[in-house]
N, C-alpha and C. Protein backbone atom coordinates (compact mmCIF):
# COMPACT_ATOMS: atom_id res chain seq x y z
N MET A 1 137.84 85.51 90.34
CA MET A 1 137.59 86.36 89.18
C MET A 1 136.36 85.82 88.44
N ASN A 2 135.40 86.70 88.16
CA ASN A 2 134.18 86.25 87.47
C ASN A 2 134.39 86.16 85.96
N THR A 3 133.42 85.58 85.28
CA THR A 3 133.51 85.35 83.83
C THR A 3 133.66 86.65 83.07
N GLU A 4 132.90 87.66 83.43
CA GLU A 4 132.98 88.96 82.75
C GLU A 4 134.38 89.56 82.90
N GLN A 5 134.96 89.47 84.07
CA GLN A 5 136.31 90.01 84.29
C GLN A 5 137.33 89.25 83.44
N ARG A 6 137.19 87.95 83.34
CA ARG A 6 138.12 87.16 82.50
C ARG A 6 137.97 87.55 81.03
N ARG A 7 136.74 87.72 80.57
CA ARG A 7 136.53 88.15 79.18
C ARG A 7 137.17 89.51 78.93
N TYR A 8 136.93 90.43 79.85
CA TYR A 8 137.48 91.78 79.72
C TYR A 8 139.01 91.73 79.68
N ASP A 9 139.63 91.03 80.62
CA ASP A 9 141.09 90.94 80.66
C ASP A 9 141.65 90.33 79.39
N SER A 10 141.01 89.29 78.88
CA SER A 10 141.46 88.64 77.66
C SER A 10 141.36 89.58 76.47
N PHE A 11 140.24 90.29 76.37
CA PHE A 11 140.05 91.19 75.24
C PHE A 11 141.02 92.36 75.30
N GLN A 12 141.25 92.89 76.49
CA GLN A 12 142.18 94.00 76.63
C GLN A 12 143.59 93.57 76.22
N PHE A 13 144.01 92.37 76.62
CA PHE A 13 145.32 91.85 76.23
C PHE A 13 145.40 91.65 74.73
N PHE A 14 144.33 91.09 74.13
CA PHE A 14 144.27 90.88 72.69
C PHE A 14 144.46 92.20 71.94
N MET A 15 143.74 93.24 72.38
CA MET A 15 143.84 94.54 71.72
C MET A 15 145.24 95.11 71.86
N PHE A 16 145.83 94.97 73.04
CA PHE A 16 147.19 95.47 73.26
C PHE A 16 148.16 94.79 72.30
N GLN A 17 147.98 93.50 72.07
CA GLN A 17 148.84 92.77 71.14
C GLN A 17 148.69 93.30 69.71
N HIS A 18 147.57 93.93 69.42
CA HIS A 18 147.31 94.48 68.09
C HIS A 18 147.50 96.00 68.04
N GLY A 19 148.24 96.53 68.99
CA GLY A 19 148.61 97.94 68.95
C GLY A 19 147.54 98.92 69.41
N ILE A 20 146.58 98.45 70.17
CA ILE A 20 145.55 99.34 70.70
C ILE A 20 145.67 99.35 72.22
N ASP A 21 145.95 100.52 72.76
CA ASP A 21 146.05 100.68 74.21
C ASP A 21 144.72 101.23 74.70
N ALA A 22 143.94 100.40 75.38
CA ALA A 22 142.60 100.80 75.83
C ALA A 22 142.52 100.73 77.35
N ARG A 23 141.99 101.80 77.94
CA ARG A 23 141.81 101.86 79.40
C ARG A 23 140.36 102.26 79.71
N VAL A 24 139.76 101.50 80.60
CA VAL A 24 138.41 101.85 81.06
C VAL A 24 138.56 102.98 82.07
N THR A 25 137.92 104.10 81.80
CA THR A 25 137.99 105.24 82.72
C THR A 25 136.73 105.39 83.55
N CYS A 26 135.67 104.68 83.15
CA CYS A 26 134.43 104.66 83.92
C CYS A 26 133.68 103.40 83.52
N SER A 27 133.22 102.63 84.50
CA SER A 27 132.59 101.36 84.17
C SER A 27 131.05 101.39 84.21
N LEU A 28 130.46 102.45 84.74
CA LEU A 28 129.00 102.57 84.80
C LEU A 28 128.56 104.02 84.62
N PHE A 29 127.51 104.18 83.90
CA PHE A 29 126.81 105.49 83.78
C PHE A 29 127.73 106.68 83.54
N PRO A 30 128.44 106.86 82.52
CA PRO A 30 128.50 106.01 81.34
C PRO A 30 129.69 105.05 81.39
N VAL A 31 129.66 104.06 80.53
CA VAL A 31 130.84 103.24 80.29
C VAL A 31 131.75 104.08 79.39
N GLN A 32 132.99 104.27 79.79
CA GLN A 32 133.93 105.06 79.00
C GLN A 32 135.24 104.30 78.86
N ILE A 33 135.77 104.30 77.63
CA ILE A 33 137.06 103.70 77.35
C ILE A 33 137.85 104.71 76.54
N GLU A 34 139.06 104.97 76.96
CA GLU A 34 139.95 105.89 76.26
C GLU A 34 141.23 105.16 75.92
N GLY A 35 141.91 105.64 74.90
CA GLY A 35 143.18 105.01 74.56
C GLY A 35 143.78 105.56 73.30
N THR A 36 144.75 104.80 72.80
CA THR A 36 145.46 105.21 71.59
C THR A 36 145.48 104.06 70.59
N VAL A 37 145.52 104.47 69.33
CA VAL A 37 145.64 103.52 68.23
C VAL A 37 146.39 104.22 67.10
N ASP A 38 147.49 103.65 66.67
CA ASP A 38 148.28 104.17 65.55
C ASP A 38 148.59 105.66 65.69
N GLY A 39 148.89 106.10 66.90
CA GLY A 39 149.27 107.49 67.13
C GLY A 39 148.10 108.44 67.35
N ASP A 40 146.88 107.97 67.20
CA ASP A 40 145.70 108.79 67.45
C ASP A 40 145.06 108.37 68.77
N TYR A 41 144.28 109.26 69.32
CA TYR A 41 143.56 108.98 70.56
C TYR A 41 142.11 108.66 70.22
N PHE A 42 141.50 107.78 71.01
CA PHE A 42 140.09 107.49 70.83
C PHE A 42 139.36 107.61 72.16
N TYR A 43 138.05 107.82 72.04
CA TYR A 43 137.19 107.97 73.22
C TYR A 43 135.88 107.26 72.91
N PHE A 44 135.55 106.25 73.71
CA PHE A 44 134.32 105.48 73.58
C PHE A 44 133.44 105.80 74.78
N ARG A 45 132.15 105.98 74.52
CA ARG A 45 131.21 106.28 75.60
C ARG A 45 129.87 105.62 75.30
N ALA A 46 129.31 104.94 76.31
CA ALA A 46 127.99 104.31 76.17
C ALA A 46 127.10 104.78 77.30
N ARG A 47 126.02 105.46 76.91
CA ARG A 47 125.07 105.94 77.92
C ARG A 47 123.79 106.38 77.22
N GLY A 48 122.70 106.26 77.92
CA GLY A 48 121.43 106.79 77.43
C GLY A 48 120.94 106.16 76.15
N GLY A 49 121.24 104.89 75.94
CA GLY A 49 120.75 104.20 74.75
C GLY A 49 121.62 104.31 73.53
N GLU A 50 122.78 104.97 73.64
CA GLU A 50 123.66 105.16 72.49
C GLU A 50 125.11 105.00 72.90
N TRP A 51 125.92 104.46 71.99
CA TRP A 51 127.36 104.47 72.20
C TRP A 51 128.01 105.22 71.05
N THR A 52 129.13 105.84 71.35
CA THR A 52 129.87 106.60 70.34
C THR A 52 131.36 106.30 70.46
N LEU A 53 132.07 106.44 69.37
CA LEU A 53 133.52 106.35 69.37
C LEU A 53 134.04 107.50 68.53
N SER A 54 134.92 108.31 69.13
CA SER A 54 135.48 109.47 68.46
C SER A 54 136.99 109.38 68.47
N LEU A 55 137.62 110.02 67.48
CA LEU A 55 139.07 110.07 67.37
C LEU A 55 139.56 111.50 67.42
N GLY A 56 140.83 111.68 67.77
CA GLY A 56 141.44 112.99 67.76
C GLY A 56 142.95 112.87 67.82
N ALA A 57 143.63 113.97 67.51
CA ALA A 57 145.09 113.99 67.57
C ALA A 57 145.58 113.97 69.02
N THR A 58 144.72 114.44 69.93
CA THR A 58 145.04 114.43 71.36
C THR A 58 143.85 113.83 72.11
N LYS A 59 144.08 113.49 73.37
CA LYS A 59 142.99 112.96 74.20
C LYS A 59 141.87 113.99 74.31
N ASP A 60 142.22 115.23 74.59
CA ASP A 60 141.21 116.29 74.72
C ASP A 60 140.43 116.49 73.43
N GLU A 61 141.10 116.38 72.29
CA GLU A 61 140.41 116.54 71.01
C GLU A 61 139.43 115.39 70.77
N ALA A 62 139.81 114.18 71.12
CA ALA A 62 138.91 113.03 70.95
C ALA A 62 137.66 113.21 71.81
N ILE A 63 137.84 113.66 73.05
CA ILE A 63 136.70 113.88 73.95
C ILE A 63 135.87 115.05 73.45
N SER A 64 136.52 116.11 73.00
CA SER A 64 135.81 117.28 72.47
C SER A 64 135.01 116.90 71.22
N ASN A 65 135.61 116.10 70.35
CA ASN A 65 134.89 115.66 69.14
C ASN A 65 133.63 114.88 69.53
N ALA A 66 133.73 114.08 70.59
CA ALA A 66 132.55 113.34 71.05
C ALA A 66 131.47 114.30 71.53
N ALA A 67 131.86 115.31 72.29
CA ALA A 67 130.90 116.28 72.82
C ALA A 67 130.24 117.08 71.71
N CYS A 68 130.96 117.29 70.61
CA CYS A 68 130.43 118.08 69.49
C CYS A 68 129.69 117.22 68.46
N GLY A 69 129.63 115.93 68.70
CA GLY A 69 128.92 115.06 67.76
C GLY A 69 129.76 114.62 66.58
N LEU A 70 131.07 114.80 66.64
CA LEU A 70 131.96 114.39 65.55
C LEU A 70 132.45 112.97 65.83
N HIS A 71 131.58 112.00 65.60
CA HIS A 71 131.88 110.61 65.93
C HIS A 71 132.39 109.86 64.72
N LEU A 72 133.31 108.94 64.97
CA LEU A 72 133.71 108.01 63.92
C LEU A 72 132.53 107.09 63.62
N THR A 73 131.82 106.70 64.67
CA THR A 73 130.62 105.88 64.50
C THR A 73 129.78 105.92 65.77
N THR A 74 128.54 105.50 65.64
CA THR A 74 127.62 105.42 66.78
C THR A 74 126.82 104.13 66.68
N GLY A 75 126.17 103.77 67.76
CA GLY A 75 125.31 102.59 67.75
C GLY A 75 124.37 102.60 68.94
N ASP A 76 123.46 101.64 68.96
CA ASP A 76 122.49 101.53 70.05
C ASP A 76 123.13 100.88 71.28
N ASP A 77 122.75 101.37 72.45
CA ASP A 77 123.20 100.80 73.73
C ASP A 77 121.97 100.36 74.51
N PRO A 78 121.54 99.12 74.32
CA PRO A 78 120.35 98.66 75.04
C PRO A 78 120.58 98.51 76.54
N TYR A 79 121.83 98.64 76.98
CA TYR A 79 122.15 98.48 78.40
C TYR A 79 121.99 99.78 79.19
N GLU A 80 121.74 100.89 78.49
CA GLU A 80 121.49 102.19 79.15
C GLU A 80 122.58 102.56 80.17
N GLY A 81 123.85 102.46 79.74
CA GLY A 81 124.95 102.85 80.62
C GLY A 81 125.52 101.73 81.46
N LEU A 82 124.97 100.53 81.32
CA LEU A 82 125.47 99.36 82.06
C LEU A 82 126.07 98.31 81.13
N MET A 83 126.57 98.73 79.97
CA MET A 83 127.12 97.81 78.99
C MET A 83 128.27 97.00 79.61
N PRO A 84 128.26 95.68 79.42
CA PRO A 84 129.39 94.88 79.91
C PRO A 84 130.70 95.37 79.27
N LEU A 85 131.75 95.44 80.06
CA LEU A 85 133.01 95.96 79.56
C LEU A 85 133.57 95.13 78.42
N SER A 86 133.36 93.82 78.45
CA SER A 86 133.86 92.98 77.35
C SER A 86 133.15 93.34 76.04
N LEU A 87 131.86 93.65 76.10
CA LEU A 87 131.13 94.07 74.90
C LEU A 87 131.63 95.43 74.43
N ALA A 88 131.84 96.35 75.36
CA ALA A 88 132.36 97.67 74.99
C ALA A 88 133.72 97.54 74.29
N LEU A 89 134.61 96.73 74.84
CA LEU A 89 135.92 96.52 74.19
C LEU A 89 135.76 95.86 72.82
N ALA A 90 134.82 94.94 72.69
CA ALA A 90 134.59 94.30 71.39
C ALA A 90 134.13 95.32 70.36
N LEU A 91 133.27 96.25 70.76
CA LEU A 91 132.83 97.31 69.84
C LEU A 91 134.00 98.21 69.45
N VAL A 92 134.81 98.58 70.44
CA VAL A 92 135.99 99.41 70.15
C VAL A 92 136.89 98.69 69.15
N TRP A 93 137.15 97.41 69.39
CA TRP A 93 138.00 96.63 68.49
C TRP A 93 137.42 96.61 67.07
N LYS A 94 136.13 96.32 66.95
CA LYS A 94 135.50 96.23 65.63
C LYS A 94 135.59 97.55 64.87
N VAL A 95 135.28 98.64 65.54
CA VAL A 95 135.30 99.95 64.88
C VAL A 95 136.73 100.32 64.48
N LEU A 96 137.69 100.14 65.38
CA LEU A 96 139.07 100.53 65.07
C LEU A 96 139.69 99.63 64.01
N LYS A 97 139.32 98.37 64.00
CA LYS A 97 139.81 97.46 62.96
C LYS A 97 139.32 97.93 61.59
N ASN A 98 138.04 98.27 61.51
CA ASN A 98 137.49 98.78 60.24
C ASN A 98 138.11 100.13 59.86
N TRP A 99 138.36 100.99 60.85
CA TRP A 99 138.99 102.28 60.59
C TRP A 99 140.39 102.08 60.01
N ARG A 100 141.13 101.13 60.56
CA ARG A 100 142.47 100.83 60.02
C ARG A 100 142.38 100.37 58.57
N LYS A 101 141.42 99.52 58.26
CA LYS A 101 141.26 99.04 56.88
C LYS A 101 140.98 100.21 55.94
N GLN A 102 140.10 101.11 56.36
CA GLN A 102 139.77 102.27 55.53
C GLN A 102 140.98 103.17 55.34
N LYS A 103 141.77 103.31 56.39
CA LYS A 103 142.99 104.12 56.31
C LYS A 103 143.96 103.55 55.30
N GLU A 104 144.08 102.24 55.26
CA GLU A 104 144.98 101.57 54.31
C GLU A 104 144.51 101.79 52.87
N VAL A 105 143.20 101.72 52.65
CA VAL A 105 142.65 101.92 51.32
C VAL A 105 142.90 103.35 50.84
N MET A 106 142.87 104.30 51.77
CA MET A 106 143.05 105.72 51.42
C MET A 106 144.49 106.07 51.06
N LYS A 107 145.44 105.23 51.44
CA LYS A 107 146.87 105.53 51.17
C LYS A 107 147.18 105.48 49.72
């Protein structure tokens, strides 16, 4: 097992322990991660110099929101669709952790 795979496995386990179920659905061109957090679905995609993370009540809605530009957040992808999976999971974790904090403040 290479270093990147160990990082990815560790990060995925860490997220699962914190209630985030994340699955890589595509590892290259684009990097895509889908999953659930607190009853909502999320969709992460990195390609063409940009990454996005969208949420929805269903998996299809999260993907549709991404296609329509309704992103929770976006950022630069200097890897052009070859983002290391451990970095992609770290971005998902950071965004969802902040989203949870904002949700708590809104209650």
